[in-house]
Each structure stands twice: as C-alpha cells, then as structure tokens.
Amino acid sequence: IILPKIRIHTAYWFVLPTMLFFILLAIYPSGYVLFLSLFATGKGTAFSADFSNFSNFIGVWNHHNFSKILVQTLIYAGGATLLHAFLGFTFALLLNILPLNKTYIRTMRTVFLIPWAITPTVVAILFRLVLHPQVGPIAIFLKSIGSPVVFAPLGQTDTALLFVTLTNVWMFTPFYMLMILSALQAIDLGLYEAAVVDGANGYQQIFFITIPSIRNLQLTLMMFDFVSTAAYFDLTWIMTQGGPVLSSEIIPTWVYRTAFQSFEFGKASAIGMILFTISVIVSIIVLRVINRE
C-alpha cells in the first residue's frame, strides 16, 4: 500500500506554536471547568461517572446570596464600563481638540497612563491606605479639622462596592482614553471643515461627526471592558475580600471563596460557567448592534 504524501505548508508550522499555546491555556482549561461543573461532586475534584443532572448549577441558582452577588457583579462591571467610556472619551476629546502644545500633549499622555501601568496589587494596597479610617490622608485631614465624621468607605456596606468601582475606574480609564484618542486622530478633518461651512457649532460636530465616527470602536471597547471587569478579581479581593457582609462580593470573589476556601470545585466551576454565559450574551448583543450598521 502506497500512502499518499501529505504536504504541509510552511505557514502552518509558524502558526502551530500559537495554536498549541491557545489550546493549553484556553481550550483545555475551559473544557475542564465545564467538565467539573457538570460532574464534580462534593469537596475537591472527585467526580461521579453518572451525569449529575446539573446539580452544581441548581445549587448555585438556589444559593441564598446568588441574586445579590449577581446584581452586584452587574453593577460593578456595568458602572465601571460606563465610567471608563465616558471619562475616556472626555479626556481624549480634550487632548484632541484643545489648542495645546504637542510636547504638553505627549507629556499628559504619559502622565495619564501611569495608573494603568501600576500593578493591580499595588493599586489595591494604595487605595486601602488612602481610604483607611485611621492612617489614610482623608481620615487624618478630617481629624485635624475636628470633624466627627468617621471616613471608612471600605468598611461600610453602603459604600464598599462604590469605592472598589471607583478604584477600578481610576486604574483603567487611561487605557480607554488612549484607544479613543487614537480613533479621534484618525477621523478625516475634512468632515469637520465641511460641517463648519454648513454652520455646525462645536457641540453639533461632536454629536454628529465625532461620536458616530468612533461608535463601533466605543461599543467594542465597552464589550471587552464589561467582560474583563466582570471577571476581574484582584482589586476587589485585596481591597475588601467581598466584605463587609458580602456588600462588595462579586462573582470572581465568590468563585475564589467557593473553590479555594470551601474546596467545592464543581460548584465554583458552575459559577464560572454562569459568568461565562453572561459574557457571551453581552458580546452577542453588542456584536449584533455593531453589525446593524
């Protein structure tokens, strides 16, 4: 039997390392998480040969804090995404339209990017110190003026999630500002010149030229932002560990607590798959809106 010679194009060998890397770090872990969510039972990664009838998903759905944690996750991710988009667009617009010196603009870009360049762990510890009720600068200032107000936002159930969200906004807004600034500089200046000839003022140029020109970029950034923020773990865990009284608990911290404190890997995997499903739904909605153009 003469086997036919199979010729493999050279380009495939260059792509192969990337594909193997993607399979090992994305496809395999995702498949294993799905497997654990369906078959793992009890503590650890032990699994039953029989299909568990979605018992892990049912257990998560019936958890008494499920709705609260889900809503907090949506508020955290949605609020941070909207603020990233608004502030990033505002700062980018100011740097793009104001008659500033080019050296000053380049300097401000670098300054704005500093929060994004800092390690999330350092940012979380920094803001824990800033917001500390005893050694934080705000608390010290209030004491120096004799104020009876106890400034402890991370220790109060009404404000913990808000300040974690604001910390996230402080850290990641510069990245979106830079992306939007690049898009603004790519808009054809002839559109603005034609608008001026037609009598359009500055606000009309922004709402009828600038925003529509970068609409798809904004939607794409917001989609990735929501998905990544909803799964972001570092800031929340280091700043509050989901407290006080689960007031800042989000799905990523719940997954960590379930997997590495309670060792219920099957249930933790089910929680992760629920977050994955939410991310997929949001992505589909945004992509359908973009494709309508």
Protein backbone atom coordinates (compact mmCIF):
# COMPACT_ATOMS: atom_id res chain seq x y z
CA ILE A 1 0.00 0.00 0.00
CA ILE A 2 1.46 3.30 -1.07
CA LEU A 3 0.35 6.11 1.21
CA PRO A 4 -0.11 9.50 -0.43
CA LYS A 5 2.39 12.15 0.53
CA ILE A 6 0.87 14.88 2.64
CA ARG A 7 2.41 18.27 2.09
CA ILE A 8 2.07 20.72 4.93
CA HIS A 9 2.52 24.34 4.00
CA THR A 10 5.36 26.08 5.84
CA ALA A 11 2.97 28.71 7.21
CA TYR A 12 1.20 26.09 9.32
CA TRP A 13 4.41 25.36 11.22
CA PHE A 14 4.66 29.01 12.18
CA VAL A 15 1.04 29.01 13.39
CA LEU A 16 1.39 25.70 15.28
CA PRO A 17 3.10 27.09 18.44
CA THR A 18 0.38 29.71 18.81
CA MET A 19 -2.35 27.10 18.37
CA LEU A 20 -0.74 24.79 20.94
CA PHE A 21 -0.37 27.69 23.34
CA PHE A 22 -4.04 28.61 22.85
CA ILE A 23 -5.18 25.01 23.34
CA LEU A 24 -3.14 24.51 26.52
CA LEU A 25 -4.05 27.85 28.14
CA ALA A 26 -7.60 28.42 26.88
CA ILE A 27 -9.36 25.45 25.31
CA TYR A 28 -8.22 22.77 27.77
CA PRO A 29 -8.87 24.81 30.98
CA SER A 30 -12.28 25.89 29.68
CA GLY A 31 -13.23 22.34 28.83
CA TYR A 32 -12.03 21.10 32.21
CA VAL A 33 -14.07 23.77 34.03
CA LEU A 34 -17.15 22.73 32.05
CA PHE A 35 -16.47 19.08 32.92
CA LEU A 36 -16.13 19.89 36.64
CA SER A 37 -19.30 21.98 36.63
CA LEU A 38 -21.26 19.03 35.25
CA PHE A 39 -19.71 16.03 37.00
CA ALA A 40 -17.73 17.11 40.09
CA THR A 41 -19.48 16.49 43.39
CA GLY A 42 -18.72 17.45 46.96
CA LYS A 43 -15.26 18.58 48.03
CA GLY A 44 -12.29 18.56 45.70
CA THR A 45 -12.31 17.45 42.07
CA ALA A 46 -13.79 14.00 42.60
CA PHE A 47 -16.49 13.30 40.04
CA SER A 48 -19.30 10.89 39.53
CA ALA A 49 -19.49 8.71 36.43
CA ASP A 50 -23.20 9.43 36.28
CA PHE A 51 -24.43 12.71 34.91
CA SER A 52 -25.26 14.92 37.88
CA ASN A 53 -28.37 16.48 36.33
CA PHE A 54 -26.91 19.99 36.65
CA SER A 55 -26.83 19.65 40.43
CA ASN A 56 -23.99 22.18 40.74
CA PHE A 57 -25.87 24.75 38.66
CA ILE A 58 -29.06 24.13 40.61
CA GLY A 59 -27.16 24.51 43.87
CA VAL A 60 -25.69 27.83 42.73
CA TRP A 61 -29.05 29.07 41.45
CA ASN A 62 -30.75 28.22 44.74
CA HIS A 63 -27.99 29.79 46.85
CA HIS A 64 -29.49 32.43 49.13
CA ASN A 65 -26.95 35.07 48.03
CA PHE A 66 -26.96 34.28 44.31
CA SER A 67 -29.21 37.13 43.20
CA LYS A 68 -27.40 39.64 45.42
CA ILE A 69 -23.96 38.69 44.11
CA LEU A 70 -25.18 38.64 40.51
CA VAL A 71 -26.69 42.13 40.81
CA GLN A 72 -23.54 43.47 42.48
CA THR A 73 -21.42 42.00 39.68
CA LEU A 74 -23.58 43.66 37.03
CA ILE A 75 -23.49 46.98 38.91
CA TYR A 76 -19.73 46.77 39.33
CA ALA A 77 -18.96 45.78 35.74
CA GLY A 78 -21.65 47.97 34.18
CA GLY A 79 -20.83 51.03 36.26
CA ALA A 80 -17.10 50.74 35.64
CA THR A 81 -17.67 50.23 31.91
CA LEU A 82 -19.88 53.31 31.57
CA LEU A 83 -17.44 55.47 33.53
CA HIS A 84 -14.48 54.16 31.53
CA ALA A 85 -16.27 55.02 28.29
CA PHE A 86 -17.45 58.46 29.40
CA LEU A 87 -14.25 59.63 31.10
CA GLY A 88 -12.00 58.06 28.47
CA PHE A 89 -13.92 59.85 25.71
CA THR A 90 -13.94 63.15 27.60
CA PHE A 91 -10.20 63.19 28.31
CA ALA A 92 -9.37 62.03 24.78
CA LEU A 93 -11.61 64.71 23.29
CA LEU A 94 -9.99 67.44 25.39
CA LEU A 95 -6.49 66.36 24.38
CA ASN A 96 -7.56 66.18 20.74
CA ILE A 97 -9.43 69.48 20.28
CA LEU A 98 -7.74 71.87 22.69
CA PRO A 99 -5.01 74.03 21.12
CA LEU A 100 -2.26 72.59 23.29
CA ASN A 101 1.46 72.35 22.71
CA LYS A 102 2.45 68.96 21.21
CA THR A 103 5.08 68.41 23.90
CA TYR A 104 2.45 69.07 26.57
CA ILE A 105 0.05 66.61 24.92
CA ARG A 106 2.72 63.88 24.80
CA THR A 107 3.59 64.56 28.44
CA MET A 108 -0.06 64.36 29.52
CA ARG A 109 -0.49 61.07 27.67
CA THR A 110 2.37 59.63 29.68
CA VAL A 111 1.00 61.03 32.95
CA PHE A 112 -2.49 59.68 32.26
CA LEU A 113 -1.08 56.21 31.56
CA ILE A 114 0.69 55.92 34.93
CA PRO A 115 -2.37 54.47 36.80
CA TRP A 116 -2.80 51.82 34.12
CA ALA A 117 0.88 50.89 34.26
CA ILE A 118 0.85 50.23 38.00
CA THR A 119 0.36 46.63 39.14
CA PRO A 120 -3.25 46.00 40.32
CA THR A 121 -1.99 44.67 43.66
CA VAL A 122 -0.10 47.92 44.27
CA VAL A 123 -3.16 49.96 43.29
CA ALA A 124 -5.39 48.00 45.67
CA ILE A 125 -2.97 48.38 48.59
CA LEU A 126 -2.50 52.08 47.78
CA PHE A 127 -6.22 52.78 47.88
CA ARG A 128 -6.66 50.71 51.03
CA LEU A 129 -4.17 53.05 52.68
CA VAL A 130 -5.75 56.18 51.21
CA LEU A 131 -9.21 55.10 52.38
CA HIS A 132 -8.04 53.77 55.76
CA PRO A 133 -10.13 55.19 58.66
CA GLN A 134 -7.07 55.85 60.84
CA VAL A 135 -3.90 56.31 58.78
CA GLY A 136 -5.44 57.44 55.49
CA PRO A 137 -4.81 61.06 54.45
CA ILE A 138 -8.53 61.83 54.20
CA ALA A 139 -9.19 60.48 57.71
CA ILE A 140 -6.19 62.40 59.08
CA PHE A 141 -7.43 65.62 57.48
CA LEU A 142 -10.93 65.18 58.94
CA LYS A 143 -9.43 64.62 62.38
CA SER A 144 -7.20 67.69 62.03
CA ILE A 145 -10.21 69.94 61.48
CA GLY A 146 -12.11 68.34 64.36
CA SER A 147 -14.71 66.61 62.19
CA PRO A 148 -16.71 63.86 63.94
CA VAL A 149 -17.16 62.01 60.63
CA VAL A 150 -15.53 58.58 60.53
CA PHE A 151 -14.25 58.09 57.00
CA ALA A 152 -14.23 54.32 56.41
CA PRO A 153 -15.84 53.68 52.99
CA LEU A 154 -14.39 50.17 52.62
CA GLY A 155 -15.80 49.18 55.99
CA GLN A 156 -19.36 50.29 55.29
CA THR A 157 -21.86 48.18 53.41
CA ASP A 158 -23.31 51.17 51.54
CA THR A 159 -20.03 52.41 50.06
CA ALA A 160 -17.60 49.46 49.77
CA LEU A 161 -18.63 48.39 46.26
CA LEU A 162 -18.78 52.02 45.10
CA PHE A 163 -15.19 52.74 46.10
CA VAL A 164 -13.91 49.47 44.64
CA THR A 165 -15.61 50.50 41.39
CA LEU A 166 -14.06 53.97 41.51
CA THR A 167 -10.64 52.43 42.10
CA ASN A 168 -11.15 50.29 39.01
CA VAL A 169 -12.16 53.40 37.06
CA TRP A 170 -9.06 55.30 38.22
CA MET A 171 -6.81 52.46 37.12
CA PHE A 172 -8.26 51.51 33.72
CA THR A 173 -9.68 54.75 32.29
CA PRO A 174 -6.26 55.81 30.85
CA PHE A 175 -6.17 52.77 28.57
CA TYR A 176 -9.57 53.61 27.06
CA MET A 177 -8.58 57.27 26.77
CA LEU A 178 -5.54 56.26 24.71
CA MET A 179 -7.55 53.96 22.45
CA ILE A 180 -10.23 56.59 21.85
CA LEU A 181 -7.64 59.32 21.31
CA SER A 182 -6.07 57.22 18.55
CA ALA A 183 -9.50 56.83 16.92
CA LEU A 184 -10.22 60.57 17.16
CA GLN A 185 -6.95 61.42 15.45
CA ALA A 186 -7.89 59.09 12.58
CA ILE A 187 -11.11 60.97 11.75
CA ASP A 188 -10.94 62.85 8.46
CA LEU A 189 -10.55 66.57 9.22
CA GLY A 190 -12.44 67.34 6.01
CA LEU A 191 -15.66 66.27 7.74
CA TYR A 192 -15.21 68.98 10.36
CA GLU A 193 -14.32 71.58 7.73
CA ALA A 194 -17.47 70.75 5.78
CA ALA A 195 -19.52 70.95 8.98
CA VAL A 196 -18.10 74.40 9.77
CA VAL A 197 -19.02 75.58 6.28
CA ASP A 198 -22.57 74.32 6.88
CA GLY A 199 -22.73 76.30 10.13
CA ALA A 200 -22.35 73.47 12.65
CA ASN A 201 -21.12 74.52 16.10
CA GLY A 202 -18.73 72.55 18.33
CA TYR A 203 -21.41 70.50 20.07
CA GLN A 204 -23.05 69.55 16.77
CA GLN A 205 -19.68 68.45 15.39
CA ILE A 206 -19.16 66.22 18.44
CA PHE A 207 -22.61 64.62 18.36
CA PHE A 208 -22.98 64.25 14.58
CA ILE A 209 -19.38 63.60 13.46
CA THR A 210 -17.11 62.57 16.33
CA ILE A 211 -19.37 60.16 18.20
CA PRO A 212 -20.77 58.38 15.09
CA SER A 213 -17.24 58.03 13.69
CA ILE A 214 -15.99 56.14 16.74
CA ARG A 215 -19.27 54.44 17.64
CA ASN A 216 -18.19 50.92 16.72
CA LEU A 217 -14.87 51.32 18.50
CA GLN A 218 -16.66 52.52 21.62
CA LEU A 219 -19.08 49.59 21.54
CA THR A 220 -16.23 47.12 21.01
CA LEU A 221 -14.23 48.62 23.87
CA MET A 222 -17.28 48.57 26.14
CA MET A 223 -17.94 44.92 25.28
CA PHE A 224 -14.41 43.83 26.15
CA ASP A 225 -14.42 46.13 29.17
CA PHE A 226 -17.62 44.67 30.61
CA VAL A 227 -16.44 41.09 30.09
CA SER A 228 -12.99 41.68 31.59
CA THR A 229 -14.26 43.79 34.51
CA ALA A 230 -16.96 41.26 35.40
CA ALA A 231 -14.22 38.62 35.69
CA TYR A 232 -11.70 40.90 37.39
CA PHE A 233 -10.64 39.58 40.77
CA ASP A 234 -7.55 41.38 42.08
CA LEU A 235 -8.84 44.78 43.20
CA THR A 236 -11.98 43.55 44.93
CA TRP A 237 -10.31 40.73 46.82
CA ILE A 238 -7.34 42.75 48.04
CA MET A 239 -9.40 45.82 48.98
CA THR A 240 -12.41 44.20 50.68
CA GLN A 241 -12.40 40.40 50.14
CA GLY A 242 -16.07 40.82 49.22
CA GLY A 243 -16.96 42.44 52.53
CA PRO A 244 -18.23 43.83 54.70
CA VAL A 245 -21.12 41.35 54.97
CA LEU A 246 -20.77 40.42 51.26
CA SER A 247 -21.64 44.01 50.27
CA SER A 248 -18.86 44.03 47.66
CA GLU A 249 -18.92 40.34 46.81
CA ILE A 250 -18.87 39.72 43.05
CA ILE A 251 -18.82 36.52 41.05
CA PRO A 252 -14.99 36.25 40.76
CA THR A 253 -14.51 36.56 44.54
CA TRP A 254 -17.36 34.10 45.08
CA VAL A 255 -15.65 31.64 42.74
CA TYR A 256 -12.38 32.00 44.64
CA ARG A 257 -14.09 31.62 48.01
CA THR A 258 -16.02 28.54 46.85
CA ALA A 259 -13.04 26.85 45.20
CA PHE A 260 -10.10 27.66 47.47
CA GLN A 261 -11.77 28.14 50.85
CA SER A 262 -14.67 25.69 50.67
CA PHE A 263 -12.92 23.41 48.12
CA GLU A 264 -16.17 22.90 46.20
CA PHE A 265 -14.59 22.94 42.76
CA GLY A 266 -17.67 21.66 40.99
CA LYS A 267 -19.85 24.44 42.34
CA ALA A 268 -17.11 27.03 41.71
CA SER A 269 -16.87 25.83 38.10
CA ALA A 270 -20.64 26.18 37.75
CA ILE A 271 -20.43 29.77 39.00
CA GLY A 272 -17.67 30.44 36.48
CA MET A 273 -19.75 28.98 33.66
CA ILE A 274 -22.65 31.26 34.63
CA LEU A 275 -20.32 34.26 34.38
CA PHE A 276 -19.07 32.95 31.03
CA THR A 277 -22.67 32.69 29.79
CA ILE A 278 -23.39 36.28 30.82
CA SER A 279 -20.28 37.44 28.98
CA VAL A 280 -21.28 35.55 25.83
CA ILE A 281 -24.80 37.06 25.91
CA VAL A 282 -23.43 40.59 26.29
CA SER A 283 -20.94 40.00 23.47
CA ILE A 284 -23.64 38.68 21.13
CA ILE A 285 -25.88 41.69 21.82
CA VAL A 286 -23.08 44.20 21.19
CA LEU A 287 -21.89 42.45 18.03
CA ARG A 288 -25.43 42.40 16.64
CA VAL A 289 -25.75 46.13 17.30
CA ILE A 290 -22.42 46.74 15.53
CA ASN A 291 -23.41 44.58 12.55
CA ARG A 292 -26.61 46.56 12.00
CA GLU A 293 -24.51 49.36 10.54
